[in-house]
Amino acid sequence: MSEQGKEIIEKFYECFYTDPDVIKNYLHPDAELTWNSSTGLRLMNYNDISAFAAEMGGSYESLRIDVTKIIQEGEEVVIDFTYHVNTIENPDEEIPLAHFIAIWKLEKDKLKSGHQISQLAD
């Protein structure tokens, strides 16, 4: 693996919603994500993730990631993080949006198969 998996997963979650090149550079074309969110189960492929990133990028004034931990074992990487946002309606106040844990299997330095759990922040 030429680029460390920890760097790949952090860069992906840090920038995928603002930089379309991050999707191309870090997400495998055959990527699949199983996401257990507070609204239910979502099964997503490359196109779904790309569309979600575009939607998310336009929904907030700013979005910041606060990474708690990243663990790598071989081709599998785990990230635990919280997104904090400034809404368009209230750009001066940053609030926690949601907590996430994601496990990804990498293939050729790209995120290929992922499982993600999220919960709204309180």
PDB file of N, CA and C in Angstrom:
ATOM      1  N   MET A   1       0.851  -1.167   0.000  1.00  0.00           N
ATOM      2  CA  MET A   1       0.000   0.000   0.000  1.00  0.00           C
ATOM      3  C   MET A   1       0.900   1.234   0.000  1.00  0.00           C
ATOM      4  N   SER A   2       0.766   2.074  -1.011  1.00  0.00           N
ATOM      5  CA  SER A   2       1.663   3.219  -1.120  1.00  0.00           C
ATOM      6  C   SER A   2       1.296   4.341  -0.153  1.00  0.00           C
ATOM      7  N   GLU A   3       0.015   4.633   0.024  1.00  0.00           N
ATOM      8  CA  GLU A   3      -0.401   5.650   0.979  1.00  0.00           C
ATOM      9  C   GLU A   3      -1.053   4.934   2.153  1.00  0.00           C
ATOM     10  N   GLN A   4      -0.724   5.325   3.345  1.00  0.00           N
ATOM     11  CA  GLN A   4      -1.261   4.671   4.524  1.00  0.00           C
ATOM     12  C   GLN A   4      -2.786   4.731   4.547  1.00  0.00           C
ATOM     13  N   GLY A   5      -3.407   3.629   4.932  1.00  0.00           N
ATOM     14  CA  GLY A   5      -4.859   3.559   5.020  1.00  0.00           C
ATOM     15  C   GLY A   5      -5.433   4.590   5.964  1.00  0.00           C
ATOM     16  N   LYS A   6      -4.716   4.877   7.057  1.00  0.00           N
ATOM     17  CA  LYS A   6      -5.186   5.884   8.013  1.00  0.00           C
ATOM     18  C   LYS A   6      -5.300   7.248   7.343  1.00  0.00           C
ATOM     19  N   GLU A   7      -4.317   7.596   6.533  1.00  0.00           N
ATOM     20  CA  GLU A   7      -4.333   8.882   5.826  1.00  0.00           C
ATOM     21  C   GLU A   7      -5.460   8.921   4.791  1.00  0.00           C
ATOM     22  N   ILE A   8      -5.686   7.806   4.107  1.00  0.00           N
ATOM     23  CA  ILE A   8      -6.725   7.734   3.079  1.00  0.00           C
ATOM     24  C   ILE A   8      -8.096   7.953   3.697  1.00  0.00           C
ATOM     25  N   ILE A   9      -8.407   7.241   4.778  1.00  0.00           N
ATOM     26  CA  ILE A   9      -9.735   7.331   5.365  1.00  0.00           C
ATOM     27  C   ILE A   9      -9.973   8.700   6.007  1.00  0.00           C
ATOM     28  N   GLU A  10      -8.950   9.261   6.634  1.00  0.00           N
ATOM     29  CA  GLU A  10      -9.121  10.583   7.240  1.00  0.00           C
ATOM     30  C   GLU A  10      -9.334  11.647   6.169  1.00  0.00           C
ATOM     31  N   LYS A  11      -8.546  11.608   5.117  1.00  0.00           N
ATOM     32  CA  LYS A  11      -8.686  12.580   4.029  1.00  0.00           C
ATOM     33  C   LYS A  11     -10.069  12.456   3.373  1.00  0.00           C
ATOM     34  N   PHE A  12     -10.525  11.206   3.184  1.00  0.00           N
ATOM     35  CA  PHE A  12     -11.827  10.983   2.572  1.00  0.00           C
ATOM     36  C   PHE A  12     -12.934  11.639   3.397  1.00  0.00           C
ATOM     37  N   TYR A  13     -13.012  11.346   4.673  1.00  0.00           N
ATOM     38  CA  TYR A  13     -14.090  11.896   5.495  1.00  0.00           C
ATOM     39  C   TYR A  13     -13.923  13.387   5.759  1.00  0.00           C
ATOM     40  N   GLU A  14     -12.708  13.870   5.685  1.00  0.00           N
ATOM     41  CA  GLU A  14     -12.449  15.290   5.904  1.00  0.00           C
ATOM     42  C   GLU A  14     -12.893  16.141   4.713  1.00  0.00           C
ATOM     43  N   CYS A  15     -12.794  15.617   3.493  1.00  0.00           N
ATOM     44  CA  CYS A  15     -12.968  16.456   2.305  1.00  0.00           C
ATOM     45  C   CYS A  15     -13.934  15.940   1.242  1.00  0.00           C
ATOM     46  N   PHE A  16     -14.532  14.755   1.413  1.00  0.00           N
ATOM     47  CA  PHE A  16     -15.319  14.192   0.320  1.00  0.00           C
ATOM     48  C   PHE A  16     -16.518  15.059  -0.058  1.00  0.00           C
ATOM     49  N   TYR A  17     -17.013  15.866   0.859  1.00  0.00           N
ATOM     50  CA  TYR A  17     -18.197  16.694   0.619  1.00  0.00           C
ATOM     51  C   TYR A  17     -17.844  18.056   0.011  1.00  0.00           C
ATOM     52  N   THR A  18     -16.572  18.410  -0.048  1.00  0.00           N
ATOM     53  CA  THR A  18     -16.179  19.699  -0.627  1.00  0.00           C
ATOM     54  C   THR A  18     -15.311  19.574  -1.867  1.00  0.00           C
ATOM     55  N   ASP A  19     -14.700  18.418  -2.059  1.00  0.00           N
ATOM     56  CA  ASP A  19     -13.749  18.247  -3.148  1.00  0.00           C
ATOM     57  C   ASP A  19     -14.073  16.984  -3.945  1.00  0.00           C
ATOM     58  N   PRO A  20     -14.695  17.115  -5.125  1.00  0.00           N
ATOM     59  CA  PRO A  20     -15.062  15.940  -5.922  1.00  0.00           C
ATOM     60  C   PRO A  20     -13.869  15.046  -6.272  1.00  0.00           C
ATOM     61  N   ASP A  21     -12.668  15.597  -6.309  1.00  0.00           N
ATOM     62  CA  ASP A  21     -11.481  14.785  -6.595  1.00  0.00           C
ATOM     63  C   ASP A  21     -11.210  13.769  -5.497  1.00  0.00           C
ATOM     64  N   VAL A  22     -11.634  14.062  -4.273  1.00  0.00           N
ATOM     65  CA  VAL A  22     -11.432  13.125  -3.172  1.00  0.00           C
ATOM     66  C   VAL A  22     -12.214  11.842  -3.439  1.00  0.00           C
ATOM     67  N   ILE A  23     -13.419  11.969  -3.965  1.00  0.00           N
ATOM     68  CA  ILE A  23     -14.205  10.788  -4.321  1.00  0.00           C
ATOM     69  C   ILE A  23     -13.426   9.967  -5.349  1.00  0.00           C
ATOM     70  N   LYS A  24     -12.954  10.611  -6.399  1.00  0.00           N
ATOM     71  CA  LYS A  24     -12.220   9.903  -7.462  1.00  0.00           C
ATOM     72  C   LYS A  24     -10.911   9.307  -6.958  1.00  0.00           C
ATOM     73  N   ASN A  25     -10.209  10.037  -6.092  1.00  0.00           N
ATOM     74  CA  ASN A  25      -8.892   9.606  -5.640  1.00  0.00           C
ATOM     75  C   ASN A  25      -8.913   8.545  -4.549  1.00  0.00           C
ATOM     76  N   TYR A  26      -9.954   8.519  -3.719  1.00  0.00           N
ATOM     77  CA  TYR A  26      -9.944   7.648  -2.555  1.00  0.00           C
ATOM     78  C   TYR A  26     -11.044   6.592  -2.528  1.00  0.00           C
ATOM     79  N   LEU A  27     -12.071   6.710  -3.362  1.00  0.00           N
ATOM     80  CA  LEU A  27     -13.166   5.748  -3.357  1.00  0.00           C
ATOM     81  C   LEU A  27     -13.050   4.829  -4.565  1.00  0.00           C
ATOM     82  N   HIS A  28     -13.048   3.538  -4.331  1.00  0.00           N
ATOM     83  CA  HIS A  28     -12.957   2.535  -5.393  1.00  0.00           C
ATOM     84  C   HIS A  28     -14.207   2.630  -6.277  1.00  0.00           C
ATOM     85  N   PRO A  29     -14.078   2.484  -7.595  1.00  0.00           N
ATOM     86  CA  PRO A  29     -15.248   2.564  -8.491  1.00  0.00           C
ATOM     87  C   PRO A  29     -16.334   1.526  -8.177  1.00  0.00           C
ATOM     88  N   ASP A  30     -15.949   0.409  -7.555  1.00  0.00           N
ATOM     89  CA  ASP A  30     -16.916  -0.626  -7.174  1.00  0.00           C
ATOM     90  C   ASP A  30     -17.252  -0.562  -5.683  1.00  0.00           C
ATOM     91  N   ALA A  31     -17.065   0.600  -5.072  1.00  0.00           N
ATOM     92  CA  ALA A  31     -17.271   0.757  -3.633  1.00  0.00           C
ATOM     93  C   ALA A  31     -18.712   0.454  -3.239  1.00  0.00           C
ATOM     94  N   GLU A  32     -18.831  -0.153  -2.067  1.00  0.00           N
ATOM     95  CA  GLU A  32     -20.127  -0.411  -1.461  1.00  0.00           C
ATOM     96  C   GLU A  32     -20.045  -0.027   0.012  1.00  0.00           C
ATOM     97  N   LEU A  33     -21.066   0.689   0.482  1.00  0.00           N
ATOM     98  CA  LEU A  33     -21.126   1.111   1.874  1.00  0.00           C
ATOM     99  C   LEU A  33     -22.458   0.678   2.463  1.00  0.00           C
ATOM    100  N   THR A  34     -22.398  -0.032   3.571  1.00  0.00           N
ATOM    101  CA  THR A  34     -23.587  -0.361   4.351  1.00  0.00           C
ATOM    102  C   THR A  34     -23.600   0.610   5.524  1.00  0.00           C
ATOM    103  N   TRP A  35     -24.645   1.439   5.603  1.00  0.00           N
ATOM    104  CA  TRP A  35     -24.695   2.508   6.599  1.00  0.00           C
ATOM    105  C   TRP A  35     -25.920   2.325   7.477  1.00  0.00           C
ATOM    106  N   ASN A  36     -25.691   2.085   8.751  1.00  0.00           N
ATOM    107  CA  ASN A  36     -26.754   2.049   9.752  1.00  0.00           C
ATOM    108  C   ASN A  36     -26.816   3.436  10.387  1.00  0.00           C
ATOM    109  N   SER A  37     -27.803   4.215   9.969  1.00  0.00           N
ATOM    110  CA  SER A  37     -27.929   5.580  10.472  1.00  0.00           C
ATOM    111  C   SER A  37     -29.126   5.680  11.406  1.00  0.00           C
ATOM    112  N   SER A  38     -29.310   6.846  11.979  1.00  0.00           N
ATOM    113  CA  SER A  38     -30.444   7.057  12.873  1.00  0.00           C
ATOM    114  C   SER A  38     -31.773   6.999  12.119  1.00  0.00           C
ATOM    115  N   THR A  39     -31.728   7.070  10.791  1.00  0.00           N
ATOM    116  CA  THR A  39     -32.959   6.990   9.992  1.00  0.00           C
ATOM    117  C   THR A  39     -33.157   5.618   9.367  1.00  0.00           C
ATOM    118  N   GLY A  40     -32.231   4.694   9.601  1.00  0.00           N
ATOM    119  CA  GLY A  40     -32.380   3.348   9.074  1.00  0.00           C
ATOM    120  C   GLY A  40     -31.177   2.897   8.264  1.00  0.00           C
ATOM    121  N   LEU A  41     -31.325   1.741   7.641  1.00  0.00           N
ATOM    122  CA  LEU A  41     -30.246   1.132   6.856  1.00  0.00           C
ATOM    123  C   LEU A  41     -30.205   1.710   5.451  1.00  0.00           C
ATOM    124  N   ARG A  42     -29.004   2.069   5.013  1.00  0.00           N
ATOM    125  CA  ARG A  42     -28.782   2.536   3.636  1.00  0.00           C
ATOM    126  C   ARG A  42     -27.677   1.697   3.014  1.00  0.00           C
ATOM    127  N   LEU A  43     -27.937   1.198   1.817  1.00  0.00           N
ATOM    128  CA  LEU A  43     -26.927   0.492   1.040  1.00  0.00           C
ATOM    129  C   LEU A  43     -26.528   1.419  -0.097  1.00  0.00           C
ATOM    130  N   MET A  44     -25.247   1.767  -0.153  1.00  0.00           N
ATOM    131  CA  MET A  44     -24.793   2.782  -1.101  1.00  0.00           C
ATOM    132  C   MET A  44     -23.658   2.245  -1.961  1.00  0.00           C
ATOM    133  N   ASN A  45     -23.651   2.659  -3.236  1.00  0.00           N
ATOM    134  CA  ASN A  45     -22.546   2.349  -4.136  1.00  0.00           C
ATOM    135  C   ASN A  45     -21.792   3.654  -4.423  1.00  0.00           C
ATOM    136  N   TYR A  46     -20.839   3.582  -5.327  1.00  0.00           N
ATOM    137  CA  TYR A  46     -20.012   4.753  -5.668  1.00  0.00           C
ATOM    138  C   TYR A  46     -20.870   5.961  -6.035  1.00  0.00           C
ATOM    139  N   ASN A  47     -21.849   5.760  -6.920  1.00  0.00           N
ATOM    140  CA  ASN A  47     -22.691   6.874  -7.371  1.00  0.00           C
ATOM    141  C   ASN A  47     -23.538   7.437  -6.238  1.00  0.00           C
ATOM    142  N   ASP A  48     -24.062   6.570  -5.375  1.00  0.00           N
ATOM    143  CA  ASP A  48     -24.854   7.029  -4.234  1.00  0.00           C
ATOM    144  C   ASP A  48     -24.006   7.876  -3.284  1.00  0.00           C
ATOM    145  N   ILE A  49     -22.794   7.415  -3.011  1.00  0.00           N
ATOM    146  CA  ILE A  49     -21.895   8.143  -2.105  1.00  0.00           C
ATOM    147  C   ILE A  49     -21.516   9.483  -2.716  1.00  0.00           C
ATOM    148  N   SER A  50     -21.259   9.490  -3.999  1.00  0.00           N
ATOM    149  CA  SER A  50     -20.906  10.719  -4.704  1.00  0.00           C
ATOM    150  C   SER A  50     -22.054  11.729  -4.648  1.00  0.00           C
ATOM    151  N   ALA A  51     -23.282  11.266  -4.887  1.00  0.00           N
ATOM    152  CA  ALA A  51     -24.459  12.140  -4.838  1.00  0.00           C
ATOM    153  C   ALA A  51     -24.685  12.652  -3.422  1.00  0.00           C
ATOM    154  N   PHE A  52     -24.489  11.791  -2.430  1.00  0.00           N
ATOM    155  CA  PHE A  52     -24.646  12.200  -1.028  1.00  0.00           C
ATOM    156  C   PHE A  52     -23.623  13.273  -0.665  1.00  0.00           C
ATOM    157  N   ALA A  53     -22.397  13.119  -1.139  1.00  0.00           N
ATOM    158  CA  ALA A  53     -21.344  14.095  -0.864  1.00  0.00           C
ATOM    159  C   ALA A  53     -21.716  15.468  -1.429  1.00  0.00           C
ATOM    160  N   ALA A  54     -22.239  15.489  -2.644  1.00  0.00           N
ATOM    161  CA  ALA A  54     -22.634  16.759  -3.268  1.00  0.00           C
ATOM    162  C   ALA A  54     -23.767  17.411  -2.478  1.00  0.00           C
ATOM    163  N   GLU A  55     -24.721  16.605  -2.043  1.00  0.00           N
ATOM    164  CA  GLU A  55     -25.850  17.122  -1.259  1.00  0.00           C
ATOM    165  C   GLU A  55     -25.373  17.666   0.081  1.00  0.00           C
ATOM    166  N   MET A  56     -24.487  16.932   0.725  1.00  0.00           N
ATOM    167  CA  MET A  56     -23.978  17.333   2.033  1.00  0.00           C
ATOM    168  C   MET A  56     -23.152  18.615   1.945  1.00  0.00           C
ATOM    169  N   GLY A  57     -22.368  18.736   0.897  1.00  0.00           N
ATOM    170  CA  GLY A  57     -21.537  19.925   0.712  1.00  0.00           C
ATOM    171  C   GLY A  57     -22.338  21.203   0.571  1.00  0.00           C
ATOM    172  N   GLY A  58     -23.546  21.116   0.028  1.00  0.00           N
ATOM    173  CA  GLY A  58     -24.387  22.294  -0.147  1.00  0.00           C
ATOM    174  C   GLY A  58     -25.333  22.560   1.004  1.00  0.00           C
ATOM    175  N   SER A  59     -25.334  21.699   2.011  1.00  0.00           N
ATOM    176  CA  SER A  59     -26.303  21.818   3.108  1.00  0.00           C
ATOM    177  C   SER A  59     -25.811  22.648   4.292  1.00  0.00           C
ATOM    178  N   TYR A  60     -24.508  22.886   4.370  1.00  0.00           N
ATOM    179  CA  TYR A  60     -23.949  23.573   5.532  1.00  0.00           C
ATOM    180  C   TYR A  60     -23.013  24.697   5.110  1.00  0.00           C
ATOM    181  N   GLU A  61     -22.922  25.689   5.961  1.00  0.00           N
ATOM    182  CA  GLU A  61     -21.979  26.787   5.753  1.00  0.00           C
ATOM    183  C   GLU A  61     -20.547  26.248   5.856  1.00  0.00           C
ATOM    184  N   SER A  62     -20.321  25.405   6.860  1.00  0.00           N
ATOM    185  CA  SER A  62     -19.033  24.731   7.013  1.00  0.00           C
ATOM    186  C   SER A  62     -19.243  23.447   7.792  1.00  0.00           C
ATOM    187  N   LEU A  63     -18.297  22.544   7.643  1.00  0.00           N
ATOM    188  CA  LEU A  63     -18.364  21.248   8.298  1.00  0.00           C
ATOM    189  C   LEU A  63     -16.945  20.876   8.706  1.00  0.00           C
ATOM    190  N   ARG A  64     -16.784  20.461   9.960  1.00  0.00           N
ATOM    191  CA  ARG A  64     -15.459  20.118  10.480  1.00  0.00           C
ATOM    192  C   ARG A  64     -15.504  18.720  11.085  1.00  0.00           C
ATOM    193  N   ILE A  65     -14.466  17.958  10.829  1.00  0.00           N
ATOM    194  CA  ILE A  65     -14.367  16.614  11.388  1.00  0.00           C
ATOM    195  C   ILE A  65     -13.478  16.651  12.623  1.00  0.00           C
ATOM    196  N   ASP A  66     -13.912  15.938  13.659  1.00  0.00           N
ATOM    197  CA  ASP A  66     -13.122  15.777  14.874  1.00  0.00           C
ATOM    198  C   ASP A  66     -12.882  14.282  15.045  1.00  0.00           C
ATOM    199  N   VAL A  67     -11.685  13.829  14.679  1.00  0.00           N
ATOM    200  CA  VAL A  67     -11.349  12.409  14.706  1.00  0.00           C
ATOM    201  C   VAL A  67     -10.918  12.018  16.119  1.00  0.00           C
ATOM    202  N   THR A  68     -11.577  10.984  16.643  1.00  0.00           N
ATOM    203  CA  THR A  68     -11.233  10.454  17.956  1.00  0.00           C
ATOM    204  C   THR A  68     -10.143   9.402  17.839  1.00  0.00           C
ATOM    205  N   LYS A  69     -10.299   8.496  16.848  1.00  0.00           N
ATOM    206  CA  LYS A  69      -9.339   7.407  16.717  1.00  0.00           C
ATOM    207  C   LYS A  69      -9.388   6.840  15.309  1.00  0.00           C
ATOM    208  N   ILE A  70      -8.225   6.427  14.827  1.00  0.00           N
ATOM    209  CA  ILE A  70      -8.111   5.679  13.571  1.00  0.00           C
ATOM    210  C   ILE A  70      -7.210   4.479  13.856  1.00  0.00           C
ATOM    211  N   ILE A  71      -7.688   3.300  13.462  1.00  0.00           N
ATOM    212  CA  ILE A  71      -6.934   2.065  13.670  1.00  0.00           C
ATOM    213  C   ILE A  71      -6.824   1.350  12.332  1.00  0.00           C
ATOM    214  N   GLN A  72      -5.647   0.833  12.042  1.00  0.00           N
ATOM    215  CA  GLN A  72      -5.455   0.069  10.808  1.00  0.00           C
ATOM    216  C   GLN A  72      -4.854  -1.282  11.136  1.00  0.00           C
ATOM    217  N   GLU A  73      -5.423  -2.309  10.507  1.00  0.00           N
ATOM    218  CA  GLU A  73      -4.867  -3.650  10.586  1.00  0.00           C
ATOM    219  C   GLU A  73      -4.905  -4.219   9.178  1.00  0.00           C
ATOM    220  N   GLY A  74      -3.743  -4.319   8.565  1.00  0.00           N
ATOM    221  CA  GLY A  74      -3.668  -4.794   7.189  1.00  0.00           C
ATOM    222  C   GLY A  74      -4.409  -3.859   6.252  1.00  0.00           C
ATOM    223  N   GLU A  75      -5.349  -4.407   5.508  1.00  0.00           N
ATOM    224  CA  GLU A  75      -6.115  -3.622   4.532  1.00  0.00           C
ATOM    225  C   GLU A  75      -7.413  -3.065   5.118  1.00  0.00           C
ATOM    226  N   GLU A  76      -7.647  -3.230   6.417  1.00  0.00           N
ATOM    227  CA  GLU A  76      -8.850  -2.715   7.050  1.00  0.00           C
ATOM    228  C   GLU A  76      -8.507  -1.528   7.941  1.00  0.00           C
ATOM    229  N   VAL A  77      -9.368  -0.500   7.854  1.00  0.00           N
ATOM    230  CA  VAL A  77      -9.155   0.723   8.618  1.00  0.00           C
ATOM    231  C   VAL A  77     -10.461   1.097   9.311  1.00  0.00           C
ATOM    232  N   VAL A  78     -10.349   1.497  10.571  1.00  0.00           N
ATOM    233  CA  VAL A  78     -11.498   1.924  11.361  1.00  0.00           C
ATOM    234  C   VAL A  78     -11.291   3.382  11.739  1.00  0.00           C
ATOM    235  N   ILE A  79     -12.355   4.183  11.626  1.00  0.00           N
ATOM    236  CA  ILE A  79     -12.295   5.579  12.038  1.00  0.00           C
ATOM    237  C   ILE A  79     -13.491   5.881  12.933  1.00  0.00           C
ATOM    238  N   ASP A  80     -13.241   6.623  14.002  1.00  0.00           N
ATOM    239  CA  ASP A  80     -14.267   7.078  14.940  1.00  0.00           C
ATOM    240  C   ASP A  80     -14.185   8.598  14.931  1.00  0.00           C
ATOM    241  N   PHE A  81     -15.286   9.265  14.591  1.00  0.00           N
ATOM    242  CA  PHE A  81     -15.232  10.725  14.468  1.00  0.00           C
ATOM    243  C   PHE A  81     -16.597  11.369  14.684  1.00  0.00           C
ATOM    244  N   THR A  82     -16.576  12.687  14.838  1.00  0.00           N
ATOM    245  CA  THR A  82     -17.785  13.504  14.955  1.00  0.00           C
ATOM    246  C   THR A  82     -17.702  14.620  13.931  1.00  0.00           C
ATOM    247  N   TYR A  83     -18.819  14.873  13.256  1.00  0.00           N
ATOM    248  CA  TYR A  83     -18.906  16.046  12.387  1.00  0.00           C
ATOM    249  C   TYR A  83     -19.527  17.185  13.187  1.00  0.00           C
ATOM    250  N   HIS A  84     -18.923  18.364  13.056  1.00  0.00           N
ATOM    251  CA  HIS A  84     -19.454  19.604  13.627  1.00  0.00           C
ATOM    252  C   HIS A  84     -19.792  20.515  12.450  1.00  0.00           C
ATOM    253  N   VAL A  85     -20.929  21.211  12.527  1.00  0.00           N
ATOM    254  CA  VAL A  85     -21.364  22.033  11.402  1.00  0.00           C
ATOM    255  C   VAL A  85     -21.728  23.444  11.835  1.00  0.00           C
ATOM    256  N   ASN A  86     -21.633  24.329  10.866  1.00  0.00           N
ATOM    257  CA  ASN A  86     -22.221  25.659  10.949  1.00  0.00           C
ATOM    258  C   ASN A  86     -23.327  25.663   9.900  1.00  0.00           C
ATOM    259  N   THR A  87     -24.551  25.871  10.329  1.00  0.00           N
ATOM    260  CA  THR A  87     -25.665  25.840   9.384  1.00  0.00           C
ATOM    261  C   THR A  87     -25.719  27.135   8.578  1.00  0.00           C
ATOM    262  N   ILE A  88     -26.390  27.070   7.455  1.00  0.00           N
ATOM    263  CA  ILE A  88     -26.563  28.263   6.619  1.00  0.00           C
ATOM    264  C   ILE A  88     -27.393  29.298   7.366  1.00  0.00           C
ATOM    265  N   GLU A  89     -28.365  28.821   8.142  1.00  0.00           N
ATOM    266  CA  GLU A  89     -29.231  29.737   8.901  1.00  0.00           C
ATOM    267  C   GLU A  89     -28.514  30.392  10.072  1.00  0.00           C
ATOM    268  N   ASN A  90     -27.512  29.725  10.635  1.00  0.00           N
ATOM    269  CA  ASN A  90     -26.793  30.247  11.789  1.00  0.00           C
ATOM    270  C   ASN A  90     -25.291  29.977  11.617  1.00  0.00           C
ATOM    271  N   PRO A  91     -24.642  30.718  10.708  1.00  0.00           N
ATOM    272  CA  PRO A  91     -23.245  30.442  10.382  1.00  0.00           C
ATOM    273  C   PRO A  91     -22.248  30.758  11.501  1.00  0.00           C
ATOM    274  N   ASP A  92     -22.669  31.491  12.533  1.00  0.00           N
ATOM    275  CA  ASP A  92     -21.747  31.869  13.607  1.00  0.00           C
ATOM    276  C   ASP A  92     -21.666  30.848  14.734  1.00  0.00           C
ATOM    277  N   GLU A  93     -22.537  29.846  14.723  1.00  0.00           N
ATOM    278  CA  GLU A  93     -22.547  28.855  15.795  1.00  0.00           C
ATOM    279  C   GLU A  93     -22.230  27.461  15.256  1.00  0.00           C
ATOM    280  N   GLU A  94     -21.178  26.855  15.795  1.00  0.00           N
ATOM    281  CA  GLU A  94     -20.830  25.494  15.417  1.00  0.00           C
ATOM    282  C   GLU A  94     -21.515  24.521  16.376  1.00  0.00           C
ATOM    283  N   ILE A  95     -22.169  23.510  15.799  1.00  0.00           N
ATOM    284  CA  ILE A  95     -22.854  22.512  16.607  1.00  0.00           C
ATOM    285  C   ILE A  95     -22.429  21.113  16.159  1.00  0.00           C
ATOM    286  N   PRO A  96     -22.396  20.150  17.094  1.00  0.00           N
ATOM    287  CA  PRO A  96     -22.103  18.781  16.677  1.00  0.00           C
ATOM    288  C   PRO A  96     -23.293  18.226  15.893  1.00  0.00           C
ATOM    289  N   LEU A  97     -23.017  17.586  14.769  1.00  0.00           N
ATOM    290  CA  LEU A  97     -24.070  17.029  13.921  1.00  0.00           C
ATOM    291  C   LEU A  97     -24.313  15.558  14.244  1.00  0.00           C
ATOM    292  N   ALA A  98     -23.268  14.731  14.136  1.00  0.00           N
ATOM    293  CA  ALA A  98     -23.424  13.294  14.342  1.00  0.00           C
ATOM    294  C   ALA A  98     -22.085  12.652  14.667  1.00  0.00           C
ATOM    295  N   HIS A  99     -22.183  11.501  15.333  1.00  0.00           N
ATOM    296  CA  HIS A  99     -21.024  10.682  15.658  1.00  0.00           C
ATOM    297  C   HIS A  99     -21.007   9.489  14.704  1.00  0.00           C
ATOM    298  N   PHE A 100     -19.830   9.103  14.256  1.00  0.00           N
ATOM    299  CA  PHE A 100     -19.680   8.025  13.281  1.00  0.00           C
ATOM    300  C   PHE A 100     -18.592   7.057  13.699  1.00  0.00           C
ATOM    301  N   ILE A 101     -18.802   5.803  13.335  1.00  0.00           N
ATOM    302  CA  ILE A 101     -17.742   4.801  13.337  1.00  0.00           C
ATOM    303  C   ILE A 101     -17.850   4.105  11.991  1.00  0.00           C
ATOM    304  N   ALA A 102     -16.738   4.011  11.279  1.00  0.00           N
ATOM    305  CA  ALA A 102     -16.733   3.371   9.962  1.00  0.00           C
ATOM    306  C   ALA A 102     -15.568   2.395   9.878  1.00  0.00           C
ATOM    307  N   ILE A 103     -15.831   1.274   9.246  1.00  0.00           N
ATOM    308  CA  ILE A 103     -14.814   0.259   8.988  1.00  0.00           C
ATOM    309  C   ILE A 103     -14.758   0.064   7.478  1.00  0.00           C
ATOM    310  N   TRP A 104     -13.591   0.243   6.898  1.00  0.00           N
ATOM    311  CA  TRP A 104     -13.424   0.100   5.447  1.00  0.00           C
ATOM    312  C   TRP A 104     -12.338  -0.910   5.129  1.00  0.00           C
ATOM    313  N   LYS A 105     -12.566  -1.670   4.083  1.00  0.00           N
ATOM    314  CA  LYS A 105     -11.529  -2.524   3.510  1.00  0.00           C
ATOM    315  C   LYS A 105     -10.991  -1.795   2.290  1.00  0.00           C
ATOM    316  N   LEU A 106      -9.675  -1.685   2.209  1.00  0.00           N
ATOM    317  CA  LEU A 106      -9.042  -1.003   1.091  1.00  0.00           C
ATOM    318  C   LEU A 106      -8.599  -1.998   0.030  1.00  0.00           C
ATOM    319  N   GLU A 107      -8.646  -1.544  -1.204  1.00  0.00           N
ATOM    320  CA  GLU A 107      -8.111  -2.313  -2.322  1.00  0.00           C
ATOM    321  C   GLU A 107      -7.373  -1.338  -3.230  1.00  0.00           C
ATOM    322  N   LYS A 108      -6.091  -1.559  -3.415  1.00  0.00           N
ATOM    323  CA  LYS A 108      -5.244  -0.701  -4.241  1.00  0.00           C
ATOM    324  C   LYS A 108      -5.361   0.773  -3.818  1.00  0.00           C
ATOM    325  N   ASP A 109      -5.213   1.020  -2.512  1.00  0.00           N
ATOM    326  CA  ASP A 109      -5.242   2.366  -1.940  1.00  0.00           C
ATOM    327  C   ASP A 109      -6.576   3.087  -2.123  1.00  0.00           C
ATOM    328  N   LYS A 110      -7.656   2.341  -2.263  1.00  0.00           N
ATOM    329  CA  LYS A 110      -8.985   2.955  -2.387  1.00  0.00           C
ATOM    330  C   LYS A 110      -9.958   2.254  -1.447  1.00  0.00           C
ATOM    331  N   LEU A 111     -10.903   3.032  -0.925  1.00  0.00           N
ATOM    332  CA  LEU A 111     -11.924   2.493  -0.036  1.00  0.00           C
ATOM    333  C   LEU A 111     -12.901   1.666  -0.859  1.00  0.00           C
ATOM    334  N   LYS A 112     -12.985   0.365  -0.566  1.00  0.00           N
ATOM    335  CA  LYS A 112     -13.789  -0.532  -1.407  1.00  0.00           C
ATOM    336  C   LYS A 112     -15.063  -1.009  -0.732  1.00  0.00           C
ATOM    337  N   SER A 113     -14.966  -1.512   0.462  1.00  0.00           N
ATOM    338  CA  SER A 113     -16.117  -2.100   1.140  1.00  0.00           C
ATOM    339  C   SER A 113     -16.189  -1.528   2.546  1.00  0.00           C
ATOM    340  N   GLY A 114     -17.303  -0.841   2.858  1.00  0.00           N
ATOM    341  CA  GLY A 114     -17.398  -0.176   4.143  1.00  0.00           C
ATOM    342  C   GLY A 114     -18.670  -0.480   4.900  1.00  0.00           C
ATOM    343  N   HIS A 115     -18.554  -0.398   6.216  1.00  0.00           N
ATOM    344  CA  HIS A 115     -19.687  -0.494   7.131  1.00  0.00           C
ATOM    345  C   HIS A 115     -19.590   0.719   8.040  1.00  0.00           C
ATOM    346  N   GLN A 116     -20.686   1.447   8.161  1.00  0.00           N
ATOM    347  CA  GLN A 116     -20.671   2.700   8.915  1.00  0.00           C
ATOM    348  C   GLN A 116     -21.897   2.753   9.808  1.00  0.00           C
ATOM    349  N   ILE A 117     -21.689   3.256  11.020  1.00  0.00           N
ATOM    350  CA  ILE A 117     -22.779   3.466  11.960  1.00  0.00           C
ATOM    351  C   ILE A 117     -22.720   4.931  12.386  1.00  0.00           C
ATOM    352  N   SER A 118     -23.887   5.579  12.427  1.00  0.00           N
ATOM    353  CA  SER A 118     -23.916   6.966  12.874  1.00  0.00           C
ATOM    354  C   SER A 118     -25.087   7.195  13.812  1.00  0.00           C
ATOM    355  N   GLN A 119     -24.916   8.211  14.639  1.00  0.00           N
ATOM    356  CA  GLN A 119     -25.943   8.599  15.587  1.00  0.00           C
ATOM    357  C   GLN A 119     -25.929  10.121  15.692  1.00  0.00           C
ATOM    358  N   LEU A 120     -27.110  10.719  15.688  1.00  0.00           N
ATOM    359  CA  LEU A 120     -27.178  12.170  15.827  1.00  0.00           C
ATOM    360  C   LEU A 120     -26.567  12.593  17.139  1.00  0.00           C
ATOM    361  N   ALA A 121     -25.849  13.701  17.131  1.00  0.00           N
ATOM    362  CA  ALA A 121     -25.239  14.223  18.346  1.00  0.00           C
ATOM    363  C   ALA A 121     -26.312  14.912  19.178  1.00  0.00           C
ATOM    364  N   ASP A 122     -26.111  14.869  20.493  1.00  0.00           N
ATOM    365  CA  ASP A 122     -27.074  15.581  21.348  1.00  0.00           C
ATOM    366  C   ASP A 122     -26.446  16.737  22.053  1.00  0.00           C
TER     367      ASP A 122
END
